[in-house]
Amino acid sequence: MHHPVVHLLRGIKMTIRAETGAHAELRSRIAGVIGLTVIFDLLAASLAWVLERHHGEITTFGDALFWTTTQMLTVSSQFPNPLTTGGKILDVFLEIYALVVVTSVAGVFAAFFHHQYREKSQPE
């Protein structure tokens, strides 16, 4: 019997290589979520910078990118809450996006594990 870490690493390798249809689907969905999140983060950072640059501590695009990324990770940051109405609305959308992504990724993994279970339980 393999150690759980070895089993996990083997599963990651199988997903990266898309060794089965289920692994290919998992890789595709995870890549899609990552790509969409990067695009959303860059757009949100641009908007945050435009809205907040003259009103608070978010004065550079780098500050805005750091703030939006930490908000989407629900980690928060050392920056205070946005001061403008638009910044506050953006903050709410960042938090909603983060919740949707987390639940969606959980669903992707649940579907993957369900598919794996069904493949293993079917007689050959």
Protein backbone atom coordinates (compact mmCIF):
# COMPACT_ATOMS: atom_id res chain seq x y z
CA MET A 1 0.00 0.00 0.00
CA HIS A 2 1.28 3.43 -0.94
CA HIS A 3 1.75 6.27 1.47
CA PRO A 4 -1.06 8.87 1.07
CA VAL A 5 1.40 11.52 -0.13
CA VAL A 6 2.73 9.18 -2.83
CA HIS A 7 -0.85 8.41 -3.87
CA LEU A 8 -1.64 12.15 -4.01
CA LEU A 9 1.45 12.92 -6.09
CA ARG A 10 0.58 10.08 -8.49
CA GLY A 11 -2.92 11.55 -8.90
CA ILE A 12 -1.48 15.00 -9.60
CA LYS A 13 0.88 13.52 -12.20
CA MET A 14 -2.02 11.66 -13.82
CA THR A 15 -4.03 14.89 -13.96
CA ILE A 16 -1.18 16.90 -15.47
CA ARG A 17 -0.66 14.20 -18.10
CA ALA A 18 -4.44 13.69 -18.58
CA GLU A 19 -3.94 9.93 -18.39
CA THR A 20 -7.67 9.18 -18.34
CA GLY A 21 -10.74 10.98 -19.59
CA ALA A 22 -11.62 11.98 -16.03
CA HIS A 23 -8.12 13.37 -15.47
CA ALA A 24 -8.27 15.30 -18.75
CA GLU A 25 -11.62 16.80 -17.78
CA LEU A 26 -10.31 17.74 -14.32
CA ARG A 27 -7.22 19.37 -15.83
CA SER A 28 -9.33 21.27 -18.35
CA ARG A 29 -11.71 22.61 -15.73
CA ILE A 30 -8.96 23.61 -13.31
CA ALA A 31 -7.05 25.36 -16.11
CA GLY A 32 -10.23 27.18 -17.11
CA VAL A 33 -10.87 28.38 -13.57
CA ILE A 34 -7.27 29.55 -13.20
CA GLY A 35 -7.32 31.36 -16.54
CA LEU A 36 -10.66 33.05 -15.85
CA THR A 37 -9.50 34.06 -12.38
CA VAL A 38 -6.29 35.65 -13.68
CA ILE A 39 -8.26 37.64 -16.26
CA PHE A 40 -10.88 38.67 -13.70
CA ASP A 41 -8.15 39.65 -11.21
CA LEU A 42 -6.38 41.87 -13.78
CA LEU A 43 -9.64 43.54 -14.83
CA ALA A 44 -10.70 44.05 -11.21
CA ALA A 45 -7.28 45.48 -10.33
CA SER A 46 -7.55 47.94 -13.20
CA LEU A 47 -10.98 49.02 -12.03
CA ALA A 48 -9.87 49.25 -8.39
CA TRP A 49 -6.91 51.40 -9.38
CA VAL A 50 -9.12 53.75 -11.43
CA LEU A 51 -11.71 54.03 -8.64
CA GLU A 52 -9.43 54.25 -5.60
CA ARG A 53 -6.14 55.81 -6.72
CA HIS A 54 -7.02 59.32 -5.55
CA HIS A 55 -9.01 58.34 -2.47
CA GLY A 56 -7.02 56.00 -0.27
CA GLU A 57 -3.98 53.78 -0.04
CA ILE A 58 -4.39 52.03 -3.39
CA THR A 59 -2.26 54.42 -5.42
CA THR A 60 -0.53 52.16 -7.96
CA PHE A 61 -1.64 49.32 -10.19
CA GLY A 62 0.57 47.01 -8.11
CA ASP A 63 -1.32 48.05 -4.97
CA ALA A 64 -4.61 47.40 -6.74
CA LEU A 65 -3.49 43.99 -7.99
CA PHE A 66 -2.31 43.02 -4.53
CA TRP A 67 -5.60 44.18 -3.00
CA THR A 68 -7.86 42.41 -5.52
CA THR A 69 -5.86 39.19 -5.30
CA THR A 70 -5.99 39.10 -1.51
CA GLN A 71 -9.70 39.93 -1.55
CA MET A 72 -10.41 37.04 -3.92
CA LEU A 73 -8.36 34.75 -1.72
CA THR A 74 -10.45 36.02 1.21
CA VAL A 75 -7.18 36.66 3.01
CA SER A 76 -7.64 40.43 2.93
CA SER A 77 -4.64 42.73 3.14
CA GLN A 78 -3.12 45.57 5.06
CA PHE A 79 -5.09 48.01 2.90
CA PRO A 80 -8.24 49.44 4.46
CA ASN A 81 -11.60 48.85 2.86
CA PRO A 82 -12.28 50.84 -0.31
CA LEU A 83 -13.43 54.40 0.15
CA THR A 84 -15.43 54.96 -3.03
CA THR A 85 -18.87 53.53 -3.73
CA GLY A 86 -17.54 51.86 -6.87
CA GLY A 87 -14.67 50.34 -4.89
CA LYS A 88 -17.08 48.97 -2.30
CA ILE A 89 -19.27 47.44 -5.01
CA LEU A 90 -16.17 45.93 -6.63
CA ASP A 91 -15.15 44.47 -3.26
CA VAL A 92 -18.52 42.74 -2.93
CA PHE A 93 -18.17 41.27 -6.44
CA LEU A 94 -14.66 40.03 -5.61
CA GLU A 95 -15.98 38.23 -2.55
CA ILE A 96 -18.91 36.73 -4.51
CA TYR A 97 -16.53 35.60 -7.26
CA ALA A 98 -14.30 33.94 -4.67
CA LEU A 99 -17.25 32.05 -3.18
CA VAL A 100 -18.44 30.92 -6.61
CA VAL A 101 -14.97 29.74 -7.59
CA VAL A 102 -14.43 27.81 -4.36
CA THR A 103 -17.78 26.06 -4.62
CA SER A 104 -17.31 25.40 -8.35
CA VAL A 105 -13.88 23.86 -7.82
CA ALA A 106 -15.32 21.73 -5.03
CA GLY A 107 -17.98 20.56 -7.48
CA VAL A 108 -15.34 19.78 -10.11
CA PHE A 109 -13.45 17.61 -7.63
CA ALA A 110 -16.67 15.94 -6.47
CA ALA A 111 -17.57 15.08 -10.07
CA PHE A 112 -14.04 13.75 -10.67
CA PHE A 113 -14.10 11.53 -7.58
CA HIS A 114 -17.62 10.32 -8.44
CA HIS A 115 -16.43 9.41 -11.93
CA GLN A 116 -13.40 7.61 -10.49
CA TYR A 117 -15.62 5.68 -8.08
CA ARG A 118 -18.00 4.63 -10.87
CA GLU A 119 -15.09 3.46 -13.05
CA LYS A 120 -13.69 1.32 -10.22
CA SER A 121 -17.04 -0.16 -9.20
CA GLN A 122 -18.12 -1.27 -12.69
CA PRO A 123 -17.44 -4.92 -13.50
CA GLU A 124 -15.04 -5.48 -16.34
